[in-house]
Amino acid sequence: MTSSVLDSRPTGGLSRLTPLAVFGLLIAGVIYAGWSLVNDLGDVHSPSLLPFLLLGIALLIALGFEFVNGFHDTANAVATVIYTNSLPPTLAVVWSGAWNFLGVLTSTGIVAFGIISLLPVELILQVGSQAGFAMVFALLIAAIIWNVGTWYFGLPSSSSHTLIGSIIGVGLMNQLMAIPGTGTSGVDWSQALGIGKSLLLSPLVGFVAAALLLLAAKLLIKRPELYKAPEGAKPPPLWIRGLLILTCTGVSFAHGSNDGQKGMGLIMLILIGTVPTAYALNRAMPETQIAAFEQSSQQAAGVLDRYTNGVAAPADARAAATAYVRDRTIAPETIPALAALTREIDRSVAGRSSLATVPLEQTGNIRNDMYLASEALKLMAKSETPAFTADDGKVLTAYRGYLDQATKFIPTWVKVAVAIALGLGTMVGWKRIVVTVGEKIGKEHLTYAQGASAELVAMATIGAADVYGLPVSTTHVLSSGVAGTMAANRSGLQWSTIRNLIMAWVLTLPVSIVLAGGLYWLLRHLF
């Protein structure tokens, strides 16, 4: 590290007022998040301080994961602007942190709940139980351990990859620890396969697309200065500098909108588990939508009645729906059970001006009913069983939208807290990963065109994944993109680094599975 050219780079670029402004914004964000949390908990009454203690510990661990994610993953976004002298290191890091912050605040939440759906269904429904707390603590601690370890050795491994491995580890151990015959679920392998494909293909897309983009640029853009390495600490021409800053901004924003959601989803599980009366249902859902929700519930129940084949609803509709979501096998009583569950949900919300008026003791059960109905409808649409008509499918899709709006929401203060953790992480521990990306992948110095090509591809890939609700790795896409430009430019690759990157990629999944599974087993025996 002492021989890195980064050490000789000027670290200026910030006025004395800028750090104070950044610090002031962070303090304002912390105050806002804290005030919002306290305000939300105002109606929560508990005879014990234990739920609040567990909430505090779990939130610290979850935000710790996002902090580590910041200096581990986001550092990739600033490597190209630093090594092409487009921005001084300090300014680049602050700039990237700010756009990560904005990316988190504007994220949709689709990725967050896609990650959560990997978890065993009974742990999601009973997240406030001892097993639920063991699950959250195990997967977060395992992900932090592996992320910090790979960061220490300067290896750009994926926080997404690590978290998904941790979830798989918890799911497998949950199934291994179950009493035979109880039907306890493990990993949702169909969902895991889809996410695994996105994680597997994204680095290949990064490598090939960045290489092709660089070759296309050489063919179409006849500006020799674009394909040169920086001369000492001299910044590039203004138009190139603007392009590289733009791509850094895009990658930072896309990283925040995608990676930040993983921590949000876990924080929502923590909030639902510890203080369900405040966070099980979306209390901000307006009255106009409550009325539409009620109407949609009645329409959905009518649609489902047409597909029951005369089978009566079972006595325990929730258990039948849970069995379907867990086993992915439709039984004769599945549709009648779902119709009955839909009517129960309708009765729960009928005539209310807001979900905030739902009796506190009922919020957890209503939330679980809504979650089960939504997941069941999603599985039926995916498997096309039963074969709903086009009009019936539209009714059920609209109903599922209302269910998700009521249960799969992220308060603004959660986004602010995650954004602060991610942004701070970017500003604190960026250097190790930046040196690897900037100096140790190729044998020659990164050119302006190479940096722009790698970041344009990363920005587009992560942005597309965010739209489709797929978690991808900023680390893998960008580092493989840099490698692709080096190969296309015939600059040569440092195979020792490439070997270490591949090794980290290969080991991340099994190590995080073992770590999380072992921690889950330990915590289940401690709680």
Protein backbone atom coordinates (compact mmCIF):
# COMPACT_ATOMS: atom_id res chain seq x y z
CA MET A 1 0.00 0.00 0.00
CA THR A 2 2.85 2.38 0.68
CA SER A 3 4.06 2.10 -2.92
CA SER A 4 0.66 2.95 -4.38
CA VAL A 5 0.59 5.93 -6.73
CA LEU A 6 -2.53 6.93 -4.85
CA ASP A 7 -0.36 8.12 -1.98
CA SER A 8 1.20 10.77 -4.19
CA ARG A 9 -2.10 12.10 -5.49
CA PRO A 10 -3.25 15.48 -4.20
CA THR A 11 -6.11 15.06 -1.76
CA GLY A 12 -7.43 18.59 -2.12
CA GLY A 13 -10.50 19.75 -3.93
CA LEU A 14 -12.60 20.57 -0.89
CA SER A 15 -12.98 23.93 0.74
CA ARG A 16 -12.94 24.14 4.50
CA LEU A 17 -16.68 24.69 4.49
CA THR A 18 -17.46 21.48 2.58
CA PRO A 19 -16.59 19.03 5.39
CA LEU A 20 -18.66 21.16 7.76
CA ALA A 21 -21.59 21.11 5.33
CA VAL A 22 -21.34 17.33 4.92
CA PHE A 23 -21.10 16.87 8.68
CA GLY A 24 -24.10 19.14 9.18
CA LEU A 25 -26.20 17.19 6.69
CA LEU A 26 -25.26 13.90 8.36
CA ILE A 27 -26.21 15.23 11.79
CA ALA A 28 -29.52 16.50 10.39
CA GLY A 29 -30.17 13.08 8.87
CA VAL A 30 -29.40 11.29 12.14
CA ILE A 31 -31.70 13.65 14.06
CA TYR A 32 -34.49 13.14 11.52
CA ALA A 33 -34.19 9.34 11.58
CA GLY A 34 -34.04 9.26 15.38
CA TRP A 35 -36.98 11.63 15.78
CA SER A 36 -39.07 9.63 13.30
CA LEU A 37 -38.31 6.35 15.08
CA VAL A 38 -39.20 7.80 18.49
CA ASN A 39 -42.39 9.29 17.04
CA ASP A 40 -43.40 5.95 15.50
CA LEU A 41 -42.82 4.18 18.80
CA GLY A 42 -44.95 6.68 20.72
CA ASP A 43 -48.01 4.40 20.64
CA VAL A 44 -46.06 1.24 21.43
CA HIS A 45 -46.54 0.03 24.99
CA SER A 46 -44.50 -2.85 26.34
CA PRO A 47 -44.15 -4.11 29.92
CA SER A 48 -40.52 -4.93 29.17
CA LEU A 49 -37.57 -3.01 27.75
CA LEU A 50 -36.33 -6.15 25.97
CA PRO A 51 -38.05 -5.45 22.59
CA PHE A 52 -36.53 -1.96 22.49
CA LEU A 53 -33.10 -3.31 23.46
CA LEU A 54 -33.26 -5.95 20.72
CA LEU A 55 -34.46 -3.31 18.28
CA GLY A 56 -31.48 -1.06 19.07
CA ILE A 57 -28.93 -3.87 18.75
CA ALA A 58 -30.44 -5.20 15.53
CA LEU A 59 -30.60 -1.75 13.94
CA LEU A 60 -26.95 -1.09 14.81
CA ILE A 61 -25.90 -4.39 13.23
CA ALA A 62 -28.03 -3.76 10.10
CA LEU A 63 -26.62 -0.25 9.68
CA GLY A 64 -23.16 -1.68 10.35
CA PHE A 65 -23.67 -3.98 7.37
CA GLU A 66 -24.53 -0.99 5.18
CA PHE A 67 -21.52 0.92 6.52
CA VAL A 68 -19.22 -1.95 5.53
CA ASN A 69 -21.06 -2.21 2.22
CA GLY A 70 -20.24 1.46 1.63
CA PHE A 71 -16.48 1.23 1.93
CA HIS A 72 -16.40 -2.23 0.36
CA ASP A 73 -18.58 -1.83 -2.73
CA THR A 74 -18.90 1.88 -3.42
CA ALA A 75 -15.14 2.31 -3.54
CA ASN A 76 -15.32 0.77 -7.01
CA ALA A 77 -17.28 3.77 -8.26
CA VAL A 78 -14.51 6.26 -7.45
CA ALA A 79 -11.55 4.22 -8.69
CA THR A 80 -11.75 5.42 -12.28
CA VAL A 81 -12.14 9.15 -11.54
CA ILE A 82 -9.24 9.00 -9.09
CA TYR A 83 -6.88 7.07 -11.37
CA THR A 84 -7.64 9.29 -14.35
CA ASN A 85 -7.11 12.46 -12.25
CA SER A 86 -10.67 13.55 -12.97
CA LEU A 87 -11.29 14.28 -9.29
CA PRO A 88 -9.01 14.46 -6.26
CA PRO A 89 -9.55 11.42 -3.97
CA THR A 90 -11.23 13.31 -1.13
CA LEU A 91 -13.66 15.14 -3.39
CA ALA A 92 -14.38 11.95 -5.38
CA VAL A 93 -15.27 10.04 -2.24
CA VAL A 94 -17.54 12.79 -0.88
CA TRP A 95 -19.19 13.17 -4.30
CA SER A 96 -19.79 9.42 -4.56
CA GLY A 97 -21.13 9.27 -1.02
CA ALA A 98 -23.61 12.04 -1.77
CA TRP A 99 -24.96 10.28 -4.86
CA ASN A 100 -25.16 6.99 -3.00
CA PHE A 101 -27.28 8.86 -0.48
CA LEU A 102 -29.63 10.11 -3.20
CA GLY A 103 -29.79 6.66 -4.80
CA VAL A 104 -30.94 5.12 -1.55
CA LEU A 105 -33.58 7.82 -0.96
CA THR A 106 -35.15 7.35 -4.40
CA SER A 107 -35.08 3.53 -4.44
CA THR A 108 -38.31 1.61 -4.94
CA GLY A 109 -37.90 -1.26 -2.46
CA ILE A 110 -38.42 -3.99 -5.08
CA VAL A 111 -34.93 -5.40 -4.57
CA ALA A 112 -35.31 -5.25 -0.78
CA PHE A 113 -38.35 -7.51 -0.68
CA GLY A 114 -36.97 -9.75 -3.44
CA ILE A 115 -34.04 -10.55 -1.13
CA ILE A 116 -36.37 -11.14 1.83
CA SER A 117 -38.46 -13.63 -0.16
CA LEU A 118 -35.43 -15.96 -0.15
CA LEU A 119 -35.93 -16.53 3.59
CA PRO A 120 -38.00 -19.42 4.99
CA VAL A 121 -41.64 -18.40 5.02
CA GLU A 122 -42.27 -19.29 8.67
CA LEU A 123 -39.34 -17.15 9.79
CA ILE A 124 -40.74 -14.19 7.87
CA LEU A 125 -44.18 -14.69 9.38
CA GLN A 126 -42.75 -15.14 12.88
CA VAL A 127 -39.81 -12.74 12.68
CA GLY A 128 -40.50 -11.56 16.22
CA SER A 129 -39.87 -15.03 17.61
CA GLN A 130 -36.57 -16.29 19.01
CA ALA A 131 -35.86 -18.04 15.70
CA GLY A 132 -36.62 -14.82 13.82
CA PHE A 133 -34.12 -12.81 15.84
CA ALA A 134 -31.52 -15.56 15.47
CA MET A 135 -32.07 -15.43 11.70
CA VAL A 136 -31.57 -11.65 11.41
CA PHE A 137 -28.52 -11.54 13.68
CA ALA A 138 -26.88 -14.58 12.06
CA LEU A 139 -27.11 -13.46 8.46
CA LEU A 140 -26.05 -9.86 9.18
CA ILE A 141 -23.08 -10.79 11.37
CA ALA A 142 -21.90 -13.42 8.86
CA ALA A 143 -22.09 -10.90 6.00
CA ILE A 144 -20.16 -8.28 7.99
CA ILE A 145 -17.40 -10.77 8.93
CA TRP A 146 -16.79 -11.83 5.33
CA ASN A 147 -17.03 -8.28 3.95
CA VAL A 148 -14.52 -6.91 6.46
CA GLY A 149 -12.16 -9.84 5.84
CA THR A 150 -12.12 -9.39 2.05
CA TRP A 151 -11.82 -5.60 2.42
CA TYR A 152 -8.79 -6.04 4.68
CA PHE A 153 -7.01 -7.95 1.92
CA GLY A 154 -8.18 -5.45 -0.73
CA LEU A 155 -10.37 -7.99 -2.54
CA PRO A 156 -13.42 -6.52 -4.33
CA SER A 157 -15.88 -9.25 -3.35
CA SER A 158 -19.62 -8.71 -3.47
CA SER A 159 -21.76 -7.64 -0.51
CA SER A 160 -24.82 -8.86 -2.43
CA HIS A 161 -23.21 -12.25 -2.97
CA THR A 162 -22.30 -12.41 0.71
CA LEU A 163 -25.77 -11.51 1.95
CA ILE A 164 -27.47 -14.04 -0.32
CA GLY A 165 -25.05 -16.75 0.83
CA SER A 166 -25.86 -15.84 4.43
CA ILE A 167 -29.60 -16.13 3.74
CA ILE A 168 -29.09 -19.55 2.14
CA GLY A 169 -27.04 -20.64 5.15
CA VAL A 170 -29.82 -19.64 7.56
CA GLY A 171 -32.46 -21.36 5.41
CA LEU A 172 -30.50 -24.61 5.21
CA MET A 173 -29.77 -24.68 8.94
CA ASN A 174 -33.41 -23.86 9.72
CA GLN A 175 -34.43 -26.96 7.76
CA LEU A 176 -31.72 -29.17 9.27
CA MET A 177 -32.75 -28.18 12.79
CA ALA A 178 -36.44 -28.82 12.18
CA ILE A 179 -38.24 -31.73 13.81
CA PRO A 180 -38.91 -34.41 11.14
CA GLY A 181 -42.42 -34.22 9.75
CA THR A 182 -43.06 -30.58 10.68
CA GLY A 183 -42.72 -29.33 7.10
CA THR A 184 -40.36 -26.55 8.12
CA SER A 185 -39.13 -24.73 5.04
CA GLY A 186 -35.59 -23.99 4.01
CA VAL A 187 -34.42 -21.99 0.99
CA ASP A 188 -36.70 -20.81 -1.80
CA TRP A 189 -34.52 -22.40 -4.46
CA SER A 190 -36.49 -21.05 -7.42
CA GLN A 191 -36.01 -17.50 -6.16
CA ALA A 192 -32.38 -18.23 -5.26
CA LEU A 193 -31.76 -19.57 -8.77
CA GLY A 194 -33.08 -16.39 -10.37
CA ILE A 195 -30.94 -14.19 -8.14
CA GLY A 196 -27.96 -16.50 -8.62
CA LYS A 197 -28.25 -16.12 -12.40
CA SER A 198 -28.16 -12.33 -12.10
CA LEU A 199 -25.06 -12.51 -9.89
CA LEU A 200 -23.39 -15.00 -12.21
CA LEU A 201 -24.16 -13.25 -15.48
CA SER A 202 -23.56 -9.64 -14.40
CA PRO A 203 -19.73 -9.96 -14.22
CA LEU A 204 -19.69 -11.64 -17.65
CA VAL A 205 -21.89 -8.87 -19.00
CA GLY A 206 -19.53 -6.33 -17.44
CA PHE A 207 -16.43 -7.90 -18.99
CA VAL A 208 -17.83 -8.39 -22.52
CA ALA A 209 -19.88 -5.19 -22.73
CA ALA A 210 -17.06 -2.95 -21.48
CA ALA A 211 -14.62 -4.55 -23.91
CA LEU A 212 -17.02 -4.09 -26.83
CA LEU A 213 -17.80 -0.51 -25.81
CA LEU A 214 -14.11 0.37 -25.75
CA LEU A 215 -13.57 -1.19 -29.19
CA ALA A 216 -16.62 0.66 -30.57
CA ALA A 217 -15.33 3.94 -29.12
CA LYS A 218 -11.95 3.41 -30.83
CA LEU A 219 -13.77 2.81 -34.10
CA LEU A 220 -16.18 5.74 -33.87
CA ILE A 221 -14.51 8.41 -31.72
CA LYS A 222 -11.26 9.57 -33.31
CA ARG A 223 -9.90 11.56 -30.40
CA PRO A 224 -6.39 10.25 -29.51
CA GLU A 225 -6.37 11.94 -26.10
CA LEU A 226 -9.27 9.73 -25.01
CA TYR A 227 -7.11 6.60 -25.25
CA LYS A 228 -4.10 7.89 -23.36
CA ALA A 229 -3.14 7.29 -19.77
CA PRO A 230 -2.97 10.38 -17.50
CA GLU A 231 0.32 12.25 -17.42
CA GLY A 232 1.36 12.48 -13.77
CA ALA A 233 -1.29 14.33 -11.78
CA LYS A 234 -2.51 16.32 -14.80
CA PRO A 235 -6.31 16.21 -15.17
CA PRO A 236 -7.82 15.10 -18.50
CA PRO A 237 -9.37 17.47 -21.05
CA LEU A 238 -12.57 19.06 -19.77
CA TRP A 239 -14.98 17.00 -21.91
CA ILE A 240 -13.34 13.73 -20.85
CA ARG A 241 -13.31 14.83 -17.25
CA GLY A 242 -17.02 15.63 -17.45
CA LEU A 243 -17.74 12.20 -18.94
CA LEU A 244 -15.83 10.36 -16.20
CA ILE A 245 -17.46 12.37 -13.42
CA LEU A 246 -20.85 11.64 -15.00
CA THR A 247 -20.18 7.89 -15.06
CA CYS A 248 -18.91 7.94 -11.46
CA THR A 249 -22.11 9.75 -10.49
CA GLY A 250 -24.25 7.21 -12.31
CA VAL A 251 -22.54 4.20 -10.75
CA SER A 252 -22.74 5.74 -7.27
CA PHE A 253 -26.43 6.54 -7.68
CA ALA A 254 -27.21 3.08 -9.11
CA HIS A 255 -25.25 1.39 -6.31
CA GLY A 256 -27.22 3.29 -3.69
CA SER A 257 -30.57 2.47 -5.30
CA ASN A 258 -29.72 -1.26 -5.59
CA ASP A 259 -27.40 -2.20 -2.73
CA GLY A 260 -28.98 0.14 -0.21
CA GLN A 261 -32.24 -1.74 -0.51
CA LYS A 262 -30.77 -4.93 0.97
CA GLY A 263 -30.23 -3.27 4.31
CA MET A 264 -33.66 -1.64 4.13
CA GLY A 265 -35.42 -4.97 3.72
CA LEU A 266 -33.63 -6.43 6.72
CA ILE A 267 -34.34 -3.36 8.84
CA MET A 268 -38.05 -3.69 8.01
CA LEU A 269 -37.94 -7.32 9.16
CA ILE A 270 -36.33 -6.14 12.40
CA LEU A 271 -38.95 -3.43 12.91
CA ILE A 272 -41.84 -5.80 12.20
CA GLY A 273 -40.38 -8.39 14.56
CA THR A 274 -39.68 -6.09 17.49
CA VAL A 275 -42.46 -3.50 17.26
CA PRO A 276 -45.16 -4.96 14.96
CA THR A 277 -47.81 -2.56 16.24
CA ALA A 278 -45.90 0.32 14.63
CA TYR A 279 -44.52 -1.27 11.47
CA ALA A 280 -46.49 -4.39 10.50
CA LEU A 281 -48.86 -2.36 8.33
CA ASN A 282 -48.39 0.79 6.27
CA ARG A 283 -50.12 3.31 8.48
CA ALA A 284 -49.50 6.06 5.93
CA MET A 285 -51.77 4.45 3.33
CA PRO A 286 -54.37 7.17 2.50
CA GLU A 287 -58.12 6.77 3.05
CA THR A 288 -58.89 6.84 -0.69
CA GLN A 289 -56.69 3.80 -1.23
CA ILE A 290 -58.28 1.97 1.72
CA ALA A 291 -61.65 2.18 -0.03
CA ALA A 292 -60.12 0.96 -3.29
CA PHE A 293 -58.32 -1.81 -1.38
CA GLU A 294 -61.63 -2.98 0.09
CA GLN A 295 -63.26 -3.06 -3.34
CA SER A 296 -60.27 -4.90 -4.83
CA SER A 297 -60.45 -7.52 -2.06
CA GLN A 298 -64.10 -8.25 -2.86
CA GLN A 299 -63.36 -8.53 -6.57
CA ALA A 300 -60.40 -10.84 -5.95
CA ALA A 301 -62.46 -13.09 -3.67
CA GLY A 302 -65.13 -13.32 -6.39
CA VAL A 303 -62.50 -14.29 -8.97
CA LEU A 304 -61.00 -16.98 -6.74
CA ASP A 305 -64.46 -18.44 -6.04
CA ARG A 306 -64.73 -19.33 -9.74
CA TYR A 307 -61.66 -21.57 -9.50
CA THR A 308 -62.45 -23.58 -6.34
CA ASN A 309 -64.06 -26.46 -8.28
CA GLY A 310 -66.67 -26.72 -5.56
CA VAL A 311 -64.15 -27.47 -2.79
CA ALA A 312 -64.97 -25.89 0.57
CA ALA A 313 -62.44 -23.73 2.38
CA PRO A 314 -60.46 -25.56 5.09
CA ALA A 315 -60.93 -24.69 8.76
CA ASP A 316 -57.46 -23.12 8.91
CA ALA A 317 -57.14 -21.08 5.71
CA ARG A 318 -53.86 -19.48 6.82
CA ALA A 319 -52.19 -22.88 7.36
CA ALA A 320 -53.26 -24.05 3.90
CA ALA A 321 -51.94 -20.86 2.28
CA THR A 322 -48.68 -21.17 4.24
CA ALA A 323 -48.25 -24.77 3.04
CA TYR A 324 -48.67 -23.64 -0.57
CA VAL A 325 -46.17 -20.78 -0.27
CA ARG A 326 -43.71 -23.08 1.49
CA ASP A 327 -44.02 -26.18 -0.72
CA ARG A 328 -44.98 -24.56 -4.07
CA THR A 329 -47.51 -27.38 -4.57
CA ILE A 330 -51.12 -26.47 -5.20
CA ALA A 331 -53.69 -28.66 -3.42
CA PRO A 332 -57.49 -28.87 -3.89
CA GLU A 333 -58.00 -26.68 -0.81
CA THR A 334 -55.42 -24.03 -1.82
CA ILE A 335 -57.74 -21.80 -3.89
CA PRO A 336 -60.65 -22.03 -1.42
CA ALA A 337 -58.24 -21.20 1.41
CA LEU A 338 -56.92 -18.19 -0.49
CA ALA A 339 -60.47 -16.99 -1.19
CA ALA A 340 -61.30 -17.31 2.52
CA LEU A 341 -58.12 -15.48 3.47
CA THR A 342 -58.99 -12.70 1.04
CA ARG A 343 -62.42 -12.27 2.64
CA GLU A 344 -60.82 -12.21 6.09
CA ILE A 345 -58.49 -9.43 4.92
CA ASP A 346 -61.48 -7.55 3.50
CA ARG A 347 -63.29 -7.75 6.85
CA SER A 348 -60.17 -6.49 8.60
CA VAL A 349 -59.91 -3.28 6.53
CA ALA A 350 -63.59 -2.66 5.76
CA GLY A 351 -64.87 0.72 6.87
CA ARG A 352 -61.52 1.96 8.16
CA SER A 353 -60.18 5.40 7.36
CA SER A 354 -56.59 4.20 7.71
CA LEU A 355 -54.60 1.08 8.51
CA ALA A 356 -53.45 2.99 11.58
CA THR A 357 -56.90 2.35 13.06
CA VAL A 358 -56.43 -1.43 13.01
CA PRO A 359 -56.40 -2.63 16.66
CA LEU A 360 -52.81 -3.05 17.80
CA GLU A 361 -53.29 -6.68 18.83
CA GLN A 362 -54.52 -7.57 15.31
CA THR A 363 -51.82 -5.91 13.20
CA GLY A 364 -49.42 -8.86 13.20
CA ASN A 365 -52.05 -11.39 12.10
CA ILE A 366 -53.49 -9.10 9.43
CA ARG A 367 -50.01 -8.39 8.08
CA ASN A 368 -49.25 -12.12 7.87
CA ASP A 369 -52.54 -12.78 6.07
CA MET A 370 -51.77 -10.05 3.54
CA TYR A 371 -48.20 -11.30 3.05
CA LEU A 372 -49.37 -14.89 2.48
CA ALA A 373 -52.08 -13.84 0.03
CA SER A 374 -49.62 -11.72 -1.96
CA GLU A 375 -46.97 -14.45 -2.10
CA ALA A 376 -49.53 -17.09 -3.06
CA LEU A 377 -50.92 -14.95 -5.88
CA LYS A 378 -47.39 -14.21 -7.11
CA LEU A 379 -46.54 -17.93 -7.22
CA MET A 380 -49.77 -18.74 -9.08
CA ALA A 381 -49.07 -16.06 -11.67
CA LYS A 382 -45.53 -17.33 -12.11
CA SER A 383 -46.52 -20.98 -12.46
CA GLU A 384 -49.71 -20.14 -14.44
CA THR A 385 -51.58 -22.61 -12.21
CA PRO A 386 -54.50 -22.31 -12.15
CA ALA A 387 -54.89 -20.83 -15.63
CA PHE A 388 -56.66 -17.55 -14.83
CA THR A 389 -58.26 -15.69 -17.73
CA ALA A 390 -56.62 -12.43 -18.78
CA ASP A 391 -59.32 -10.33 -17.08
CA ASP A 392 -59.20 -12.39 -13.89
CA GLY A 393 -55.41 -12.15 -13.87
CA LYS A 394 -55.63 -8.35 -14.03
CA VAL A 395 -58.00 -8.27 -11.04
CA LEU A 396 -55.67 -10.47 -8.97
CA THR A 397 -52.58 -8.48 -10.02
CA ALA A 398 -54.26 -5.24 -8.95
CA TYR A 399 -55.23 -6.83 -5.63
CA ARG A 400 -51.66 -8.02 -5.06
CA GLY A 401 -50.50 -4.44 -5.65
CA TYR A 402 -52.69 -3.24 -2.77
CA LEU A 403 -51.46 -6.05 -0.53
CA ASP A 404 -47.85 -5.16 -1.24
CA GLN A 405 -48.50 -1.48 -0.65
CA ALA A 406 -49.93 -2.34 2.76
CA THR A 407 -47.10 -4.65 3.85
CA LYS A 408 -44.00 -4.04 1.70
CA PHE A 409 -43.22 -0.43 2.47
CA ILE A 410 -40.13 1.40 3.67
CA PRO A 411 -40.48 4.55 5.81
CA THR A 412 -38.44 7.54 4.70
CA TRP A 413 -36.42 7.56 7.93
CA VAL A 414 -35.20 4.02 7.20
CA LYS A 415 -33.96 5.17 3.79
CA VAL A 416 -32.22 8.14 5.41
CA ALA A 417 -30.52 5.95 8.04
CA VAL A 418 -29.30 3.46 5.42
CA ALA A 419 -28.16 6.29 3.15
CA ILE A 420 -26.11 7.81 5.99
CA ALA A 421 -24.48 4.46 6.81
CA LEU A 422 -23.70 3.75 3.16
CA GLY A 423 -22.38 7.26 2.53
CA LEU A 424 -20.21 7.27 5.65
CA GLY A 425 -18.80 3.88 4.71
CA THR A 426 -17.84 5.22 1.31
CA MET A 427 -16.00 8.15 2.85
CA VAL A 428 -14.12 6.14 5.47
CA GLY A 429 -12.69 2.94 4.05
CA TRP A 430 -12.52 3.37 0.29
CA LYS A 431 -8.77 3.22 -0.30
CA ARG A 432 -7.96 -0.50 -0.22
CA ILE A 433 -10.50 -1.47 -2.88
CA VAL A 434 -9.69 1.58 -5.03
CA VAL A 435 -6.03 0.59 -5.18
CA THR A 436 -6.93 -2.93 -6.32
CA VAL A 437 -9.26 -1.72 -9.07
CA GLY A 438 -7.00 1.12 -10.20
CA GLU A 439 -3.58 -0.53 -10.07
CA LYS A 440 -3.75 -4.29 -9.74
CA ILE A 441 -6.14 -5.54 -12.45
CA GLY A 442 -4.28 -4.41 -15.57
CA LYS A 443 -0.56 -4.24 -16.26
CA GLU A 444 -0.84 -0.71 -17.68
CA HIS A 445 -2.36 2.45 -16.28
CA LEU A 446 -6.09 2.92 -16.77
CA THR A 447 -6.86 5.19 -19.75
CA TYR A 448 -9.72 7.66 -19.88
CA ALA A 449 -11.68 5.55 -22.36
CA GLN A 450 -11.22 2.41 -20.28
CA GLY A 451 -12.51 4.10 -17.14
CA ALA A 452 -15.51 5.56 -18.95
CA SER A 453 -16.37 2.27 -20.68
CA ALA A 454 -16.25 0.24 -17.46
CA GLU A 455 -18.38 2.72 -15.56
CA LEU A 456 -20.95 3.25 -18.33
CA VAL A 457 -21.53 -0.51 -18.46
CA ALA A 458 -21.71 -0.77 -14.67
CA MET A 459 -24.16 2.13 -14.47
CA ALA A 460 -26.43 0.64 -17.14
CA THR A 461 -26.28 -2.91 -15.76
CA ILE A 462 -27.06 -1.92 -12.17
CA GLY A 463 -29.78 0.48 -13.25
CA ALA A 464 -31.48 -2.21 -15.35
CA ALA A 465 -31.24 -4.71 -12.50
CA ASP A 466 -32.86 -2.19 -10.18
CA VAL A 467 -35.82 -1.80 -12.55
CA TYR A 468 -36.37 -5.58 -12.64
CA GLY A 469 -35.85 -6.02 -8.90
CA LEU A 470 -32.65 -8.07 -9.25
CA PRO A 471 -29.71 -7.68 -6.87
CA VAL A 472 -26.39 -7.40 -8.70
CA SER A 473 -22.89 -6.71 -7.51
CA THR A 474 -21.37 -3.32 -8.22
CA THR A 475 -18.02 -4.84 -7.34
CA HIS A 476 -18.25 -7.68 -9.84
CA VAL A 477 -19.67 -5.62 -12.67
CA LEU A 478 -17.16 -2.79 -12.41
CA SER A 479 -14.01 -4.80 -11.70
CA SER A 480 -14.86 -7.23 -14.51
CA GLY A 481 -15.56 -4.22 -16.73
CA VAL A 482 -12.09 -2.84 -16.02
CA ALA A 483 -10.62 -6.27 -16.80
CA GLY A 484 -12.61 -6.37 -20.04
CA THR A 485 -11.22 -3.01 -21.19
CA MET A 486 -7.70 -4.13 -20.33
CA ALA A 487 -8.16 -7.26 -22.43
CA ALA A 488 -9.70 -5.33 -25.34
CA ASN A 489 -6.90 -2.76 -25.20
CA ARG A 490 -4.28 -5.53 -25.02
CA SER A 491 -2.93 -3.88 -21.91
CA GLY A 492 -2.44 -7.23 -20.20
CA LEU A 493 -3.97 -8.50 -16.99
CA GLN A 494 -2.31 -9.11 -13.66
CA TRP A 495 -3.35 -12.72 -13.29
CA SER A 496 -2.45 -12.89 -9.62
CA THR A 497 -5.12 -10.27 -8.93
CA ILE A 498 -7.61 -11.88 -11.32
CA ARG A 499 -7.01 -15.22 -9.60
CA ASN A 500 -7.65 -13.65 -6.20
CA LEU A 501 -10.84 -11.98 -7.46
CA ILE A 502 -12.11 -15.26 -8.87
CA MET A 503 -11.19 -17.05 -5.65
CA ALA A 504 -13.09 -14.47 -3.60
CA TRP A 505 -16.06 -14.85 -5.95
CA VAL A 506 -15.99 -18.65 -5.66
CA LEU A 507 -15.46 -18.72 -1.89
CA THR A 508 -17.96 -16.01 -0.95
CA LEU A 509 -21.02 -18.22 -1.29
CA PRO A 510 -19.82 -21.34 0.58
CA VAL A 511 -18.05 -19.37 3.32
CA SER A 512 -21.04 -17.10 3.98
CA ILE A 513 -23.37 -20.13 3.95
CA VAL A 514 -21.25 -21.91 6.56
CA LEU A 515 -20.77 -18.76 8.66
CA ALA A 516 -24.46 -17.84 8.71
CA GLY A 517 -25.61 -21.42 9.24
CA GLY A 518 -23.20 -21.88 12.15
CA LEU A 519 -24.18 -18.56 13.73
CA TYR A 520 -27.88 -19.37 13.34
CA TRP A 521 -27.38 -22.73 15.06
CA LEU A 522 -25.45 -21.04 17.88
CA LEU A 523 -27.96 -18.23 18.36
CA ARG A 524 -30.92 -20.63 18.33
CA HIS A 525 -29.31 -22.40 21.30
CA LEU A 526 -28.56 -19.12 23.08
CA PHE A 527 -31.93 -17.40 22.63
